[in-house]
Amino acid sequence: MKKLLSLLLMAALPALAQVTVGEPWVRATVAAQKATGAFMTLTSTTSAKLVGASSPAAGVVEVHEMKMDNDTMRMRQIQALDLPAGQLVKLAPGGYHLMLLNLKQPLKEGDKVPLTLEIEDAQKVRSKVEVEAPVKPLNAAH
């Protein structure tokens, strides 16, 4: 009876979002540069949101978007990025991206930057996804 109850309870629980990260990379910096962008693709098995990120390479990591405002492209922080179930979401130069601020040291081509993505599913359950992103040259667009 206990096994049956356990199975029923497990079947009633909603599936947690599983997020797949593809092609992660971070743009290289020059001396004294204190910020850079991180880019990748994200695909979630269920509807979820990217609600934050962190990295030991930066003091702060924010989720940003680029948006036109009166004929001027502007970058701004957003609180969450929707990850619709089964759809590829691109974080790319000129669009959504992670902004690494207060860098602890310059990032050069060939370095690896650890990132921790914070994902929230439809039931407000949060999980973390660990990523190691290679650093690519300043002129990399992908």
C-alpha atoms as a PDB file:
ATOM      1  CA  MET A   1       0.000   0.000   0.000  1.00  0.00           C
ATOM      2  CA  LYS A   2       2.839   2.395   0.853  1.00  0.00           C
ATOM      3  CA  LYS A   3       4.479   1.713  -2.515  1.00  0.00           C
ATOM      4  CA  LEU A   4       1.224   2.413  -4.343  1.00  0.00           C
ATOM      5  CA  LEU A   5       0.744   5.684  -2.458  1.00  0.00           C
ATOM      6  CA  SER A   6       4.339   6.713  -3.232  1.00  0.00           C
ATOM      7  CA  LEU A   7       3.853   5.969  -6.929  1.00  0.00           C
ATOM      8  CA  LEU A   8       0.610   7.940  -7.028  1.00  0.00           C
ATOM      9  CA  LEU A   9       2.220  10.924  -5.309  1.00  0.00           C
ATOM     10  CA  MET A  10       5.175  10.870  -7.697  1.00  0.00           C
ATOM     11  CA  ALA A  11       2.855  10.678 -10.715  1.00  0.00           C
ATOM     12  CA  ALA A  12       0.886  13.668  -9.417  1.00  0.00           C
ATOM     13  CA  LEU A  13       3.971  15.867  -9.154  1.00  0.00           C
ATOM     14  CA  PRO A  14       4.522  18.171 -12.116  1.00  0.00           C
ATOM     15  CA  ALA A  15       7.635  17.575 -14.172  1.00  0.00           C
ATOM     16  CA  LEU A  16      10.520  19.888 -13.342  1.00  0.00           C
ATOM     17  CA  ALA A  17      11.870  21.934 -16.206  1.00  0.00           C
ATOM     18  CA  GLN A  18      15.003  20.469 -17.725  1.00  0.00           C
ATOM     19  CA  VAL A  19      17.007  23.073 -19.571  1.00  0.00           C
ATOM     20  CA  THR A  20      19.542  22.205 -22.250  1.00  0.00           C
ATOM     21  CA  VAL A  21      22.323  24.703 -22.932  1.00  0.00           C
ATOM     22  CA  GLY A  22      23.879  24.858 -26.373  1.00  0.00           C
ATOM     23  CA  GLU A  23      26.946  26.647 -27.753  1.00  0.00           C
ATOM     24  CA  PRO A  24      27.809  28.783 -24.699  1.00  0.00           C
ATOM     25  CA  TRP A  25      30.531  31.411 -25.060  1.00  0.00           C
ATOM     26  CA  VAL A  26      31.757  34.614 -23.433  1.00  0.00           C
ATOM     27  CA  ARG A  27      33.220  37.587 -25.286  1.00  0.00           C
ATOM     28  CA  ALA A  28      36.891  38.323 -24.497  1.00  0.00           C
ATOM     29  CA  THR A  29      37.834  41.605 -22.840  1.00  0.00           C
ATOM     30  CA  VAL A  30      40.688  44.083 -23.030  1.00  0.00           C
ATOM     31  CA  ALA A  31      42.743  45.342 -20.094  1.00  0.00           C
ATOM     32  CA  ALA A  32      40.698  47.356 -17.557  1.00  0.00           C
ATOM     33  CA  GLN A  33      37.369  46.306 -19.131  1.00  0.00           C
ATOM     34  CA  LYS A  34      34.983  45.443 -16.304  1.00  0.00           C
ATOM     35  CA  ALA A  35      32.028  43.974 -18.226  1.00  0.00           C
ATOM     36  CA  THR A  36      31.305  41.516 -21.026  1.00  0.00           C
ATOM     37  CA  GLY A  37      28.512  39.392 -22.432  1.00  0.00           C
ATOM     38  CA  ALA A  38      27.766  35.663 -22.288  1.00  0.00           C
ATOM     39  CA  PHE A  39      25.774  33.997 -25.052  1.00  0.00           C
ATOM     40  CA  MET A  40      24.177  30.575 -25.659  1.00  0.00           C
ATOM     41  CA  THR A  41      20.992  28.811 -26.633  1.00  0.00           C
ATOM     42  CA  LEU A  42      18.509  27.490 -24.082  1.00  0.00           C
ATOM     43  CA  THR A  43      15.779  24.895 -24.551  1.00  0.00           C
ATOM     44  CA  SER A  44      13.427  23.857 -21.741  1.00  0.00           C
ATOM     45  CA  THR A  45      11.300  20.698 -21.652  1.00  0.00           C
ATOM     46  CA  THR A  46       8.486  22.606 -19.907  1.00  0.00           C
ATOM     47  CA  SER A  47       7.601  26.291 -19.664  1.00  0.00           C
ATOM     48  CA  ALA A  48      10.172  27.975 -17.444  1.00  0.00           C
ATOM     49  CA  LYS A  49      12.084  31.223 -16.957  1.00  0.00           C
ATOM     50  CA  LEU A  50      15.733  32.201 -16.700  1.00  0.00           C
ATOM     51  CA  VAL A  51      15.583  34.315 -13.535  1.00  0.00           C
ATOM     52  CA  GLY A  52      19.242  34.860 -12.743  1.00  0.00           C
ATOM     53  CA  ALA A  53      22.838  33.797 -13.121  1.00  0.00           C
ATOM     54  CA  SER A  54      26.145  33.977 -11.307  1.00  0.00           C
ATOM     55  CA  SER A  55      29.829  33.384 -12.008  1.00  0.00           C
ATOM     56  CA  PRO A  56      33.005  33.419  -9.936  1.00  0.00           C
ATOM     57  CA  ALA A  57      34.522  35.526 -12.764  1.00  0.00           C
ATOM     58  CA  ALA A  58      32.170  38.466 -12.076  1.00  0.00           C
ATOM     59  CA  GLY A  59      30.813  40.351  -9.104  1.00  0.00           C
ATOM     60  CA  VAL A  60      27.349  40.414 -10.673  1.00  0.00           C
ATOM     61  CA  VAL A  61      25.644  38.648 -13.583  1.00  0.00           C
ATOM     62  CA  GLU A  62      22.415  40.114 -14.987  1.00  0.00           C
ATOM     63  CA  VAL A  63      19.944  38.972 -17.642  1.00  0.00           C
ATOM     64  CA  HIS A  64      19.741  41.723 -20.298  1.00  0.00           C
ATOM     65  CA  GLU A  65      17.874  42.534 -23.480  1.00  0.00           C
ATOM     66  CA  MET A  66      18.646  44.911 -26.335  1.00  0.00           C
ATOM     67  CA  LYS A  67      15.641  46.928 -27.500  1.00  0.00           C
ATOM     68  CA  MET A  68      14.965  49.844 -29.822  1.00  0.00           C
ATOM     69  CA  ASP A  69      13.867  53.017 -27.999  1.00  0.00           C
ATOM     70  CA  ASN A  70      13.204  56.096 -30.174  1.00  0.00           C
ATOM     71  CA  ASP A  71      15.577  54.939 -32.934  1.00  0.00           C
ATOM     72  CA  THR A  72      18.291  54.086 -30.402  1.00  0.00           C
ATOM     73  CA  MET A  73      19.285  50.568 -29.425  1.00  0.00           C
ATOM     74  CA  ARG A  74      19.356  50.306 -25.637  1.00  0.00           C
ATOM     75  CA  MET A  75      20.420  47.590 -23.250  1.00  0.00           C
ATOM     76  CA  ARG A  76      18.453  46.978 -20.071  1.00  0.00           C
ATOM     77  CA  GLN A  77      18.245  44.416 -17.307  1.00  0.00           C
ATOM     78  CA  ILE A  78      15.174  42.172 -17.231  1.00  0.00           C
ATOM     79  CA  GLN A  79      13.918  40.195 -14.242  1.00  0.00           C
ATOM     80  CA  ALA A  80      13.191  37.002 -16.195  1.00  0.00           C
ATOM     81  CA  LEU A  81      13.492  35.557 -19.692  1.00  0.00           C
ATOM     82  CA  ASP A  82      10.672  33.229 -20.758  1.00  0.00           C
ATOM     83  CA  LEU A  83      11.714  29.760 -21.925  1.00  0.00           C
ATOM     84  CA  PRO A  84       8.647  28.336 -23.721  1.00  0.00           C
ATOM     85  CA  ALA A  85       8.443  24.536 -23.634  1.00  0.00           C
ATOM     86  CA  GLY A  86      10.376  22.908 -26.463  1.00  0.00           C
ATOM     87  CA  GLN A  87      11.414  26.197 -28.110  1.00  0.00           C
ATOM     88  CA  LEU A  88      14.997  27.304 -28.710  1.00  0.00           C
ATOM     89  CA  VAL A  89      15.745  30.665 -27.043  1.00  0.00           C
ATOM     90  CA  LYS A  90      18.873  32.445 -28.284  1.00  0.00           C
ATOM     91  CA  LEU A  91      21.076  34.606 -26.119  1.00  0.00           C
ATOM     92  CA  ALA A  92      23.123  36.409 -28.772  1.00  0.00           C
ATOM     93  CA  PRO A  93      24.932  39.715 -29.408  1.00  0.00           C
ATOM     94  CA  GLY A  94      22.348  42.413 -30.112  1.00  0.00           C
ATOM     95  CA  GLY A  95      19.573  40.511 -28.305  1.00  0.00           C
ATOM     96  CA  TYR A  96      19.053  38.730 -25.014  1.00  0.00           C
ATOM     97  CA  HIS A  97      22.299  37.945 -23.187  1.00  0.00           C
ATOM     98  CA  LEU A  98      23.932  37.606 -19.797  1.00  0.00           C
ATOM     99  CA  MET A  99      25.924  40.654 -18.728  1.00  0.00           C
ATOM    100  CA  LEU A 100      28.940  39.878 -16.543  1.00  0.00           C
ATOM    101  CA  LEU A 101      29.730  42.989 -14.486  1.00  0.00           C
ATOM    102  CA  ASN A 102      32.582  43.852 -12.124  1.00  0.00           C
ATOM    103  CA  LEU A 103      34.889  41.313 -13.747  1.00  0.00           C
ATOM    104  CA  LYS A 104      37.577  40.071 -11.399  1.00  0.00           C
ATOM    105  CA  GLN A 105      40.200  39.853 -14.173  1.00  0.00           C
ATOM    106  CA  PRO A 106      40.442  40.244 -17.954  1.00  0.00           C
ATOM    107  CA  LEU A 107      39.046  37.341 -19.963  1.00  0.00           C
ATOM    108  CA  LYS A 108      41.179  36.178 -22.856  1.00  0.00           C
ATOM    109  CA  GLU A 109      40.518  33.808 -25.721  1.00  0.00           C
ATOM    110  CA  GLY A 110      40.841  30.207 -24.562  1.00  0.00           C
ATOM    111  CA  ASP A 111      39.795  30.891 -20.950  1.00  0.00           C
ATOM    112  CA  LYS A 112      36.783  29.003 -19.577  1.00  0.00           C
ATOM    113  CA  VAL A 113      34.154  30.880 -17.565  1.00  0.00           C
ATOM    114  CA  PRO A 114      31.909  28.914 -15.184  1.00  0.00           C
ATOM    115  CA  LEU A 115      28.302  30.140 -15.132  1.00  0.00           C
ATOM    116  CA  THR A 116      25.395  29.049 -12.957  1.00  0.00           C
ATOM    117  CA  LEU A 117      21.963  29.696 -14.491  1.00  0.00           C
ATOM    118  CA  GLU A 118      18.946  29.955 -12.206  1.00  0.00           C
ATOM    119  CA  ILE A 119      15.781  28.512 -13.745  1.00  0.00           C
ATOM    120  CA  GLU A 120      12.237  28.825 -12.367  1.00  0.00           C
ATOM    121  CA  ASP A 121       9.498  26.466 -13.560  1.00  0.00           C
ATOM    122  CA  ALA A 122       5.742  27.147 -13.776  1.00  0.00           C
ATOM    123  CA  GLN A 123       5.286  25.997 -10.160  1.00  0.00           C
ATOM    124  CA  LYS A 124       7.911  28.541  -8.994  1.00  0.00           C
ATOM    125  CA  VAL A 125      10.400  25.756  -8.219  1.00  0.00           C
ATOM    126  CA  ARG A 126      13.948  26.954  -8.845  1.00  0.00           C
ATOM    127  CA  SER A 127      16.852  24.877 -10.084  1.00  0.00           C
ATOM    128  CA  LYS A 128      20.399  25.564 -11.193  1.00  0.00           C
ATOM    129  CA  VAL A 129      22.152  24.671 -14.437  1.00  0.00           C
ATOM    130  CA  GLU A 130      25.961  24.670 -14.476  1.00  0.00           C
ATOM    131  CA  VAL A 131      27.712  25.805 -17.678  1.00  0.00           C
ATOM    132  CA  GLU A 132      31.360  26.225 -18.631  1.00  0.00           C
ATOM    133  CA  ALA A 133      31.636  28.768 -21.443  1.00  0.00           C
ATOM    134  CA  PRO A 134      34.783  29.230 -23.532  1.00  0.00           C
ATOM    135  CA  VAL A 135      35.998  32.779 -24.136  1.00  0.00           C
ATOM    136  CA  LYS A 136      36.004  33.848 -27.785  1.00  0.00           C
ATOM    137  CA  PRO A 137      37.673  36.859 -29.463  1.00  0.00           C
ATOM    138  CA  LEU A 138      36.249  40.366 -29.166  1.00  0.00           C
ATOM    139  CA  ASN A 139      35.070  40.312 -32.775  1.00  0.00           C
ATOM    140  CA  ALA A 140      33.164  37.029 -32.383  1.00  0.00           C
ATOM    141  CA  ALA A 141      29.533  37.312 -33.375  1.00  0.00           C
ATOM    142  CA  HIS A 142      29.172  33.557 -32.975  1.00  0.00           C
END
